[in-house]
């Protein structure tokens, strides 16, 4: 069985003097990245490899999350190919992974994150929000054979936990 964790980068700032590729994370994005890494680990994730877009906001998201996950640097790669990539390019990257990796984390951008999740898991999300995490399960033994036959294991995002926390305070 293969587990794919596909993640949209954390909340970033818009700055007129910065190129899109170089946008930094907002303070909320930095905080949420650690929080969501904890939520991911609490669901039993045992990530073995991370592939991230090389943009500033995705590398920062990846590095903060890995502070909790604890992978060696050799198990993390950053590639410009995932920066504003087409869904086909993201899936191609996934299919090229070594089959010894059973739990893979991809950190990328919308709209491809939403489109890849919808395609691989046969779901229909309108928009995966920043730091949205979809876990897709495949019965395949090889990444190269995955298709749109995945099953959504779970889908989480930061605001769903804040809403629960706010509702608990009301009661």
N, C-alpha and C. Protein backbone atom coordinates (compact mmCIF):
# COMPACT_ATOMS: atom_id res chain seq x y z
N UNK A 1 0.84 -1.19 0.00
CA UNK A 1 0.00 0.00 0.00
C UNK A 1 0.88 1.25 0.00
N UNK A 2 0.48 2.24 -0.77
CA UNK A 2 1.17 3.52 -0.85
C UNK A 2 0.26 4.59 -0.26
N UNK A 3 0.89 5.51 0.52
CA UNK A 3 0.17 6.65 1.09
C UNK A 3 0.79 7.92 0.54
N UNK A 4 -0.06 8.75 -0.04
CA UNK A 4 0.37 10.04 -0.57
C UNK A 4 -0.26 11.14 0.28
N UNK A 5 0.58 12.00 0.80
CA UNK A 5 0.11 13.18 1.53
C UNK A 5 0.40 14.37 0.62
N UNK A 6 -0.65 14.95 0.08
CA UNK A 6 -0.45 16.10 -0.81
C UNK A 6 -0.91 17.35 -0.07
N UNK A 7 -0.01 18.33 -0.02
CA UNK A 7 -0.20 19.49 0.84
C UNK A 7 -0.03 20.77 0.04
N UNK A 8 -0.95 21.69 0.27
CA UNK A 8 -0.77 23.04 -0.28
C UNK A 8 0.05 23.83 0.73
N UNK A 9 0.96 24.63 0.25
CA UNK A 9 1.83 25.43 1.13
C UNK A 9 1.03 26.25 2.13
N UNK A 10 1.71 26.73 3.17
CA UNK A 10 1.10 27.56 4.22
C UNK A 10 0.77 28.96 3.68
N UNK A 11 -0.01 29.68 4.46
CA UNK A 11 -0.45 31.04 4.11
C UNK A 11 0.76 31.94 3.88
N UNK A 12 0.78 32.60 2.73
CA UNK A 12 1.90 33.47 2.39
C UNK A 12 1.42 34.91 2.23
N UNK A 13 2.38 35.82 2.23
CA UNK A 13 2.05 37.23 2.10
C UNK A 13 2.19 37.67 0.65
N UNK A 14 1.43 38.66 0.31
CA UNK A 14 1.52 39.26 -1.02
C UNK A 14 2.28 40.55 -0.87
N UNK A 15 3.37 40.65 -1.56
CA UNK A 15 4.19 41.85 -1.50
C UNK A 15 4.45 42.32 -2.93
N UNK A 16 4.19 43.60 -3.15
CA UNK A 16 4.35 44.12 -4.51
C UNK A 16 5.80 44.14 -4.96
N UNK A 17 6.73 44.18 -4.01
CA UNK A 17 8.14 44.26 -4.40
C UNK A 17 8.80 42.89 -4.50
N UNK A 18 8.04 41.81 -4.29
CA UNK A 18 8.58 40.45 -4.38
C UNK A 18 7.97 39.72 -5.56
N UNK A 19 8.80 38.93 -6.21
CA UNK A 19 8.33 38.03 -7.26
C UNK A 19 7.50 36.93 -6.60
N UNK A 20 6.52 36.39 -7.29
CA UNK A 20 5.66 35.34 -6.73
C UNK A 20 6.48 34.18 -6.17
N UNK A 21 7.53 33.78 -6.85
CA UNK A 21 8.37 32.65 -6.44
C UNK A 21 9.01 32.89 -5.07
N UNK A 22 9.26 34.15 -4.73
CA UNK A 22 10.00 34.52 -3.52
C UNK A 22 9.12 34.97 -2.35
N UNK A 23 7.81 34.78 -2.47
CA UNK A 23 6.92 35.23 -1.39
C UNK A 23 7.20 34.46 -0.10
N UNK A 24 7.20 35.18 1.03
CA UNK A 24 7.43 34.60 2.36
C UNK A 24 6.11 34.14 2.97
N UNK A 25 6.23 33.32 4.00
CA UNK A 25 5.05 32.92 4.76
C UNK A 25 4.63 34.04 5.70
N UNK A 26 3.34 34.13 5.92
CA UNK A 26 2.83 35.02 6.96
C UNK A 26 3.10 34.37 8.31
N UNK A 27 3.02 35.14 9.36
CA UNK A 27 3.22 34.59 10.71
C UNK A 27 2.22 33.45 10.97
N UNK A 28 0.97 33.65 10.55
CA UNK A 28 -0.05 32.61 10.70
C UNK A 28 0.35 31.34 9.95
N UNK A 29 0.92 31.49 8.77
CA UNK A 29 1.37 30.35 7.99
C UNK A 29 2.45 29.56 8.71
N UNK A 30 3.38 30.26 9.33
CA UNK A 30 4.45 29.59 10.07
C UNK A 30 3.89 28.81 11.26
N UNK A 31 2.98 29.43 11.99
CA UNK A 31 2.35 28.78 13.14
C UNK A 31 1.52 27.57 12.70
N UNK A 32 0.73 27.76 11.65
CA UNK A 32 -0.13 26.68 11.15
C UNK A 32 0.68 25.49 10.63
N UNK A 33 1.86 25.75 10.05
CA UNK A 33 2.67 24.65 9.50
C UNK A 33 3.07 23.67 10.60
N UNK A 34 3.50 24.17 11.74
CA UNK A 34 3.84 23.29 12.86
C UNK A 34 2.61 22.58 13.41
N UNK A 35 1.52 23.33 13.53
CA UNK A 35 0.27 22.78 14.04
C UNK A 35 -0.22 21.63 13.15
N UNK A 36 -0.18 21.84 11.84
CA UNK A 36 -0.66 20.80 10.92
C UNK A 36 0.29 19.61 10.86
N UNK A 37 1.58 19.84 11.05
CA UNK A 37 2.52 18.71 11.13
C UNK A 37 2.15 17.83 12.31
N UNK A 38 1.81 18.44 13.44
CA UNK A 38 1.39 17.67 14.62
C UNK A 38 0.12 16.89 14.32
N UNK A 39 -0.84 17.51 13.65
CA UNK A 39 -2.09 16.83 13.30
C UNK A 39 -1.82 15.65 12.36
N UNK A 40 -0.91 15.84 11.43
CA UNK A 40 -0.54 14.77 10.50
C UNK A 40 0.07 13.60 11.25
N UNK A 41 0.99 13.88 12.14
CA UNK A 41 1.63 12.82 12.93
C UNK A 41 0.64 12.12 13.87
N UNK A 42 -0.32 12.88 14.40
CA UNK A 42 -1.31 12.28 15.29
C UNK A 42 -2.22 11.30 14.56
N UNK A 43 -2.24 11.36 13.24
CA UNK A 43 -3.02 10.43 12.41
C UNK A 43 -2.17 9.24 11.96
N UNK A 44 -0.99 9.10 12.53
CA UNK A 44 -0.16 7.94 12.27
C UNK A 44 0.75 8.03 11.06
N UNK A 45 0.91 9.22 10.49
CA UNK A 45 1.77 9.37 9.32
C UNK A 45 3.22 9.01 9.68
N UNK A 46 3.85 8.25 8.80
CA UNK A 46 5.26 7.88 8.93
C UNK A 46 5.94 8.20 7.60
N UNK A 47 6.00 9.47 7.32
CA UNK A 47 6.50 9.95 6.03
C UNK A 47 7.96 9.56 5.85
N UNK A 48 8.27 9.04 4.66
CA UNK A 48 9.62 8.58 4.35
C UNK A 48 10.35 9.48 3.37
N UNK A 49 9.60 10.27 2.61
CA UNK A 49 10.21 11.14 1.60
C UNK A 49 9.32 12.36 1.42
N UNK A 50 9.96 13.52 1.23
CA UNK A 50 9.23 14.76 0.93
C UNK A 50 9.77 15.33 -0.36
N UNK A 51 8.86 15.69 -1.27
CA UNK A 51 9.23 16.41 -2.48
C UNK A 51 8.42 17.70 -2.47
N UNK A 52 9.12 18.82 -2.59
CA UNK A 52 8.49 20.12 -2.47
C UNK A 52 8.86 21.01 -3.65
N UNK A 53 7.95 21.89 -4.00
CA UNK A 53 8.28 22.96 -4.92
C UNK A 53 9.42 23.76 -4.29
N UNK A 54 10.24 24.38 -5.12
CA UNK A 54 11.38 25.13 -4.59
C UNK A 54 11.07 26.62 -4.36
N UNK A 55 9.80 27.01 -4.45
CA UNK A 55 9.47 28.40 -4.14
C UNK A 55 9.70 28.65 -2.65
N UNK A 56 9.85 29.91 -2.29
CA UNK A 56 10.14 30.26 -0.89
C UNK A 56 9.04 29.77 0.06
N UNK A 57 7.78 29.96 -0.31
CA UNK A 57 6.69 29.59 0.61
C UNK A 57 6.56 28.09 0.79
N UNK A 58 6.88 27.30 -0.25
CA UNK A 58 6.81 25.85 -0.10
C UNK A 58 8.03 25.31 0.63
N UNK A 59 9.21 25.87 0.38
CA UNK A 59 10.39 25.40 1.11
C UNK A 59 10.26 25.73 2.59
N UNK A 60 9.76 26.92 2.91
CA UNK A 60 9.56 27.27 4.32
C UNK A 60 8.52 26.37 4.97
N UNK A 61 7.43 26.10 4.28
CA UNK A 61 6.40 25.19 4.79
C UNK A 61 7.00 23.81 5.06
N UNK A 62 7.75 23.30 4.10
CA UNK A 62 8.37 21.98 4.21
C UNK A 62 9.34 21.93 5.39
N UNK A 63 10.17 22.94 5.52
CA UNK A 63 11.17 22.93 6.59
C UNK A 63 10.52 23.01 7.97
N UNK A 64 9.50 23.83 8.11
CA UNK A 64 8.80 23.92 9.41
C UNK A 64 8.13 22.59 9.73
N UNK A 65 7.44 22.00 8.75
CA UNK A 65 6.77 20.72 9.00
C UNK A 65 7.79 19.63 9.31
N UNK A 66 8.93 19.66 8.64
CA UNK A 66 9.94 18.64 8.89
C UNK A 66 10.59 18.78 10.27
N UNK A 67 10.53 19.95 10.87
CA UNK A 67 11.00 20.10 12.25
C UNK A 67 10.24 19.13 13.17
N UNK A 68 9.00 18.82 12.81
CA UNK A 68 8.17 17.89 13.58
C UNK A 68 8.31 16.46 13.05
N UNK A 69 8.38 16.32 11.74
CA UNK A 69 8.45 15.00 11.11
C UNK A 69 9.81 14.35 11.35
N UNK A 70 10.87 15.12 11.21
CA UNK A 70 12.21 14.66 11.56
C UNK A 70 12.96 13.85 10.51
N UNK A 71 12.70 14.10 9.23
CA UNK A 71 13.44 13.40 8.18
C UNK A 71 14.84 14.00 8.01
N UNK A 72 15.78 13.14 7.61
CA UNK A 72 17.12 13.62 7.25
C UNK A 72 17.00 14.46 5.98
N UNK A 73 17.92 15.40 5.81
CA UNK A 73 17.90 16.27 4.63
C UNK A 73 17.95 15.48 3.33
N UNK A 74 18.61 14.32 3.35
CA UNK A 74 18.72 13.51 2.14
C UNK A 74 17.36 12.94 1.70
N UNK A 75 16.37 12.98 2.56
CA UNK A 75 15.03 12.46 2.24
C UNK A 75 14.07 13.57 1.81
N UNK A 76 14.62 14.78 1.61
CA UNK A 76 13.81 15.93 1.21
C UNK A 76 14.41 16.51 -0.06
N UNK A 77 13.57 16.72 -1.06
CA UNK A 77 14.07 17.35 -2.28
C UNK A 77 13.16 18.52 -2.66
N UNK A 78 13.79 19.52 -3.24
CA UNK A 78 13.08 20.73 -3.69
C UNK A 78 13.29 20.84 -5.19
N UNK A 79 12.18 21.03 -5.91
CA UNK A 79 12.27 21.08 -7.37
C UNK A 79 11.41 22.20 -7.94
N UNK A 80 11.96 22.91 -8.88
CA UNK A 80 11.21 23.98 -9.55
C UNK A 80 10.10 23.39 -10.41
N UNK A 81 10.22 22.11 -10.75
CA UNK A 81 9.20 21.45 -11.57
C UNK A 81 7.82 21.45 -10.91
N UNK A 82 7.77 21.56 -9.58
CA UNK A 82 6.48 21.59 -8.89
C UNK A 82 5.94 23.01 -8.70
N UNK A 83 6.73 24.01 -9.07
CA UNK A 83 6.27 25.39 -8.95
C UNK A 83 5.25 25.68 -10.04
N UNK A 84 4.02 25.94 -9.64
CA UNK A 84 2.91 26.21 -10.55
C UNK A 84 2.80 25.14 -11.64
N UNK A 85 3.07 23.92 -11.26
CA UNK A 85 3.06 22.79 -12.19
C UNK A 85 1.64 22.40 -12.59
N UNK A 86 1.55 21.78 -13.73
CA UNK A 86 0.28 21.21 -14.17
C UNK A 86 0.01 19.96 -13.33
N UNK A 87 -1.25 19.54 -13.22
CA UNK A 87 -1.54 18.29 -12.53
C UNK A 87 -0.76 17.11 -13.12
N UNK A 88 -0.64 17.09 -14.44
CA UNK A 88 0.09 16.01 -15.12
C UNK A 88 1.55 15.97 -14.65
N UNK A 89 2.18 17.13 -14.48
CA UNK A 89 3.57 17.20 -14.01
C UNK A 89 3.69 16.71 -12.56
N UNK A 90 2.73 17.09 -11.72
CA UNK A 90 2.76 16.64 -10.31
C UNK A 90 2.62 15.12 -10.26
N UNK A 91 1.68 14.58 -11.01
CA UNK A 91 1.46 13.13 -11.02
C UNK A 91 2.69 12.42 -11.59
N UNK A 92 3.31 12.99 -12.59
CA UNK A 92 4.53 12.42 -13.15
C UNK A 92 5.64 12.36 -12.09
N UNK A 93 5.75 13.39 -11.29
CA UNK A 93 6.73 13.43 -10.20
C UNK A 93 6.44 12.30 -9.20
N UNK A 94 5.19 12.13 -8.85
CA UNK A 94 4.78 11.07 -7.91
C UNK A 94 5.11 9.70 -8.50
N UNK A 95 4.76 9.49 -9.76
CA UNK A 95 4.99 8.19 -10.42
C UNK A 95 6.47 7.83 -10.54
N UNK A 96 7.34 8.83 -10.46
CA UNK A 96 8.78 8.58 -10.60
C UNK A 96 9.45 8.21 -9.27
N UNK A 97 8.69 8.17 -8.20
CA UNK A 97 9.27 7.89 -6.88
C UNK A 97 9.74 6.44 -6.76
N UNK A 98 10.75 6.26 -5.95
CA UNK A 98 11.29 4.92 -5.68
C UNK A 98 10.24 4.12 -4.92
N UNK A 99 10.05 2.88 -5.31
CA UNK A 99 9.01 2.04 -4.70
C UNK A 99 9.32 1.62 -3.27
N UNK A 100 10.54 1.85 -2.80
CA UNK A 100 10.86 1.56 -1.39
C UNK A 100 10.18 2.58 -0.47
N UNK A 101 9.76 3.71 -1.03
CA UNK A 101 9.03 4.73 -0.26
C UNK A 101 7.55 4.36 -0.27
N UNK A 102 7.00 4.16 0.92
CA UNK A 102 5.57 3.84 1.03
C UNK A 102 4.73 5.04 1.43
N UNK A 103 5.34 6.02 2.11
CA UNK A 103 4.60 7.22 2.53
C UNK A 103 5.33 8.45 2.01
N UNK A 104 4.69 9.12 1.07
CA UNK A 104 5.28 10.24 0.36
C UNK A 104 4.49 11.52 0.63
N UNK A 105 5.22 12.61 0.85
CA UNK A 105 4.60 13.91 1.05
C UNK A 105 5.02 14.83 -0.10
N UNK A 106 4.03 15.45 -0.74
CA UNK A 106 4.26 16.42 -1.81
C UNK A 106 3.76 17.77 -1.31
N UNK A 107 4.59 18.81 -1.43
CA UNK A 107 4.19 20.16 -1.03
C UNK A 107 4.23 21.03 -2.29
N UNK A 108 3.05 21.56 -2.67
CA UNK A 108 2.98 22.28 -3.93
C UNK A 108 1.95 23.41 -3.84
N UNK A 109 1.43 23.81 -4.99
CA UNK A 109 0.59 24.99 -5.14
C UNK A 109 -0.76 24.65 -5.76
N UNK A 110 -1.71 25.54 -5.54
CA UNK A 110 -2.98 25.47 -6.27
C UNK A 110 -2.80 26.18 -7.60
N UNK A 111 -3.55 25.83 -8.60
CA UNK A 111 -4.70 24.93 -8.59
C UNK A 111 -4.34 23.44 -8.71
N UNK A 112 -3.05 23.13 -8.96
CA UNK A 112 -2.71 21.73 -9.22
C UNK A 112 -2.94 20.83 -8.01
N UNK A 113 -2.72 21.33 -6.78
CA UNK A 113 -2.96 20.49 -5.59
C UNK A 113 -4.41 20.00 -5.59
N UNK A 114 -5.34 20.92 -5.75
CA UNK A 114 -6.76 20.54 -5.76
C UNK A 114 -7.06 19.59 -6.92
N UNK A 115 -6.55 19.88 -8.09
CA UNK A 115 -6.82 19.06 -9.26
C UNK A 115 -6.23 17.66 -9.13
N UNK A 116 -5.04 17.55 -8.56
CA UNK A 116 -4.40 16.23 -8.37
C UNK A 116 -5.19 15.40 -7.36
N UNK A 117 -5.59 16.01 -6.25
CA UNK A 117 -6.39 15.29 -5.25
C UNK A 117 -7.70 14.81 -5.88
N UNK A 118 -8.38 15.70 -6.59
CA UNK A 118 -9.64 15.32 -7.23
C UNK A 118 -9.45 14.17 -8.21
N UNK A 119 -8.39 14.20 -8.97
CA UNK A 119 -8.15 13.16 -9.97
C UNK A 119 -7.76 11.83 -9.33
N UNK A 120 -6.75 11.86 -8.46
CA UNK A 120 -6.23 10.60 -7.91
C UNK A 120 -7.19 9.92 -6.94
N UNK A 121 -8.01 10.70 -6.23
CA UNK A 121 -8.91 10.12 -5.24
C UNK A 121 -10.37 10.12 -5.69
N UNK A 122 -10.63 10.50 -6.93
CA UNK A 122 -12.01 10.58 -7.41
C UNK A 122 -12.90 11.39 -6.46
N UNK A 123 -12.41 12.56 -6.09
CA UNK A 123 -13.14 13.47 -5.20
C UNK A 123 -13.53 14.71 -5.99
N UNK A 124 -14.27 15.61 -5.34
CA UNK A 124 -14.57 16.89 -5.97
C UNK A 124 -14.47 18.01 -4.93
N UNK A 125 -13.26 18.47 -4.73
CA UNK A 125 -13.04 19.63 -3.88
C UNK A 125 -12.97 20.85 -4.79
N UNK A 126 -13.65 21.93 -4.38
CA UNK A 126 -13.57 23.16 -5.16
C UNK A 126 -12.21 23.82 -4.99
N UNK A 127 -11.67 23.74 -3.77
CA UNK A 127 -10.42 24.42 -3.47
C UNK A 127 -9.80 23.83 -2.21
N UNK A 128 -8.57 23.36 -2.32
CA UNK A 128 -7.83 22.94 -1.13
C UNK A 128 -7.21 24.22 -0.56
N UNK A 129 -7.54 24.60 0.67
CA UNK A 129 -7.01 25.85 1.22
C UNK A 129 -5.53 25.71 1.61
N UNK A 130 -4.92 26.83 1.94
CA UNK A 130 -3.53 26.78 2.37
C UNK A 130 -3.40 25.82 3.55
N UNK A 131 -2.36 25.03 3.49
CA UNK A 131 -2.04 23.96 4.44
C UNK A 131 -3.10 22.88 4.52
N UNK A 132 -3.92 22.79 3.50
CA UNK A 132 -4.83 21.66 3.39
C UNK A 132 -4.00 20.41 3.10
N UNK A 133 -4.35 19.32 3.77
CA UNK A 133 -3.63 18.05 3.61
C UNK A 133 -4.63 16.97 3.22
N UNK A 134 -4.37 16.35 2.09
CA UNK A 134 -5.17 15.20 1.67
C UNK A 134 -4.28 13.97 1.71
N UNK A 135 -4.76 12.93 2.38
CA UNK A 135 -4.07 11.65 2.41
C UNK A 135 -4.81 10.72 1.45
N UNK A 136 -4.09 10.26 0.44
CA UNK A 136 -4.69 9.37 -0.55
C UNK A 136 -4.01 8.01 -0.45
N UNK A 137 -4.81 6.97 -0.36
CA UNK A 137 -4.32 5.60 -0.20
C UNK A 137 -4.44 4.85 -1.52
N UNK A 138 -3.39 4.10 -1.85
CA UNK A 138 -3.38 3.30 -3.07
C UNK A 138 -3.05 1.86 -2.71
N UNK A 139 -3.74 0.91 -3.31
CA UNK A 139 -3.42 -0.50 -3.12
C UNK A 139 -2.19 -0.92 -3.92
N UNK A 140 -1.73 -0.06 -4.80
CA UNK A 140 -0.59 -0.36 -5.67
C UNK A 140 0.69 -0.62 -4.86
N UNK A 141 1.56 -1.42 -5.43
CA UNK A 141 2.88 -1.67 -4.84
C UNK A 141 3.94 -0.75 -5.44
N UNK A 142 3.59 -0.12 -6.55
CA UNK A 142 4.52 0.75 -7.25
C UNK A 142 3.87 2.11 -7.50
N UNK A 143 4.64 3.17 -7.29
CA UNK A 143 4.13 4.51 -7.59
C UNK A 143 3.84 4.64 -9.08
N UNK A 144 4.60 3.95 -9.89
CA UNK A 144 4.46 4.09 -11.35
C UNK A 144 3.11 3.59 -11.86
N UNK A 145 2.41 2.78 -11.08
CA UNK A 145 1.12 2.23 -11.54
C UNK A 145 -0.10 2.95 -11.00
N UNK A 146 0.12 3.98 -10.15
CA UNK A 146 -1.07 4.66 -9.60
C UNK A 146 -1.83 5.37 -10.71
N UNK A 147 -3.13 5.39 -10.54
CA UNK A 147 -4.02 6.08 -11.47
C UNK A 147 -5.03 6.83 -10.62
N UNK A 148 -6.19 7.04 -11.17
CA UNK A 148 -7.25 7.68 -10.38
C UNK A 148 -8.03 6.61 -9.61
N UNK A 149 -7.26 5.72 -8.97
CA UNK A 149 -7.86 4.63 -8.20
C UNK A 149 -7.56 4.74 -6.71
N UNK A 150 -7.15 5.94 -6.27
CA UNK A 150 -6.86 6.14 -4.85
C UNK A 150 -8.12 6.33 -4.04
N UNK A 151 -7.98 6.17 -2.75
CA UNK A 151 -9.09 6.36 -1.82
C UNK A 151 -8.66 7.44 -0.82
N UNK A 152 -9.53 8.41 -0.60
CA UNK A 152 -9.22 9.47 0.34
C UNK A 152 -9.20 8.91 1.76
N UNK A 153 -8.03 8.94 2.39
CA UNK A 153 -7.90 8.48 3.77
C UNK A 153 -8.42 9.53 4.74
N UNK A 154 -7.98 10.77 4.53
CA UNK A 154 -8.50 11.90 5.29
C UNK A 154 -8.14 13.19 4.57
N UNK A 155 -8.83 14.25 4.98
CA UNK A 155 -8.60 15.59 4.45
C UNK A 155 -8.73 16.54 5.62
N UNK A 156 -7.67 17.30 5.89
CA UNK A 156 -7.69 18.24 7.01
C UNK A 156 -7.10 19.58 6.55
N UNK A 157 -7.48 20.63 7.26
CA UNK A 157 -6.95 21.97 6.99
C UNK A 157 -7.07 22.78 8.28
N UNK A 158 -6.25 23.82 8.46
CA UNK A 158 -6.18 24.52 9.75
C UNK A 158 -7.49 25.06 10.29
N UNK A 159 -8.30 25.68 9.45
CA UNK A 159 -9.52 26.33 9.95
C UNK A 159 -10.53 25.34 10.51
N UNK A 160 -10.49 24.07 10.08
CA UNK A 160 -11.46 23.11 10.62
C UNK A 160 -11.20 22.88 12.11
N UNK A 161 -9.96 22.99 12.55
CA UNK A 161 -9.63 22.81 13.96
C UNK A 161 -9.94 24.07 14.75
N UNK A 162 -9.77 25.22 14.14
CA UNK A 162 -10.09 26.48 14.82
C UNK A 162 -11.59 26.61 15.01
N UNK A 163 -12.38 26.14 14.03
CA UNK A 163 -13.83 26.18 14.16
C UNK A 163 -14.28 25.30 15.32
N UNK A 164 -13.70 24.10 15.43
CA UNK A 164 -14.06 23.20 16.53
C UNK A 164 -13.70 23.83 17.86
N UNK A 165 -12.54 24.44 17.93
CA UNK A 165 -12.09 25.09 19.17
C UNK A 165 -13.03 26.22 19.54
N UNK A 166 -13.43 27.04 18.56
CA UNK A 166 -14.35 28.14 18.83
C UNK A 166 -15.71 27.62 19.26
N UNK A 167 -16.21 26.55 18.66
CA UNK A 167 -17.50 25.97 19.05
C UNK A 167 -17.45 25.42 20.47
N UNK A 168 -16.32 24.85 20.86
CA UNK A 168 -16.19 24.32 22.22
C UNK A 168 -16.22 25.45 23.25
N UNK A 169 -15.70 26.62 22.89
CA UNK A 169 -15.70 27.75 23.81
C UNK A 169 -17.10 28.33 23.99
N UNK A 170 -17.97 28.16 23.00
CA UNK A 170 -19.34 28.68 23.08
C UNK A 170 -20.16 27.86 24.07
N UNK A 171 -19.93 26.56 24.10
CA UNK A 171 -20.75 25.69 24.94
C UNK A 171 -20.45 25.81 26.40
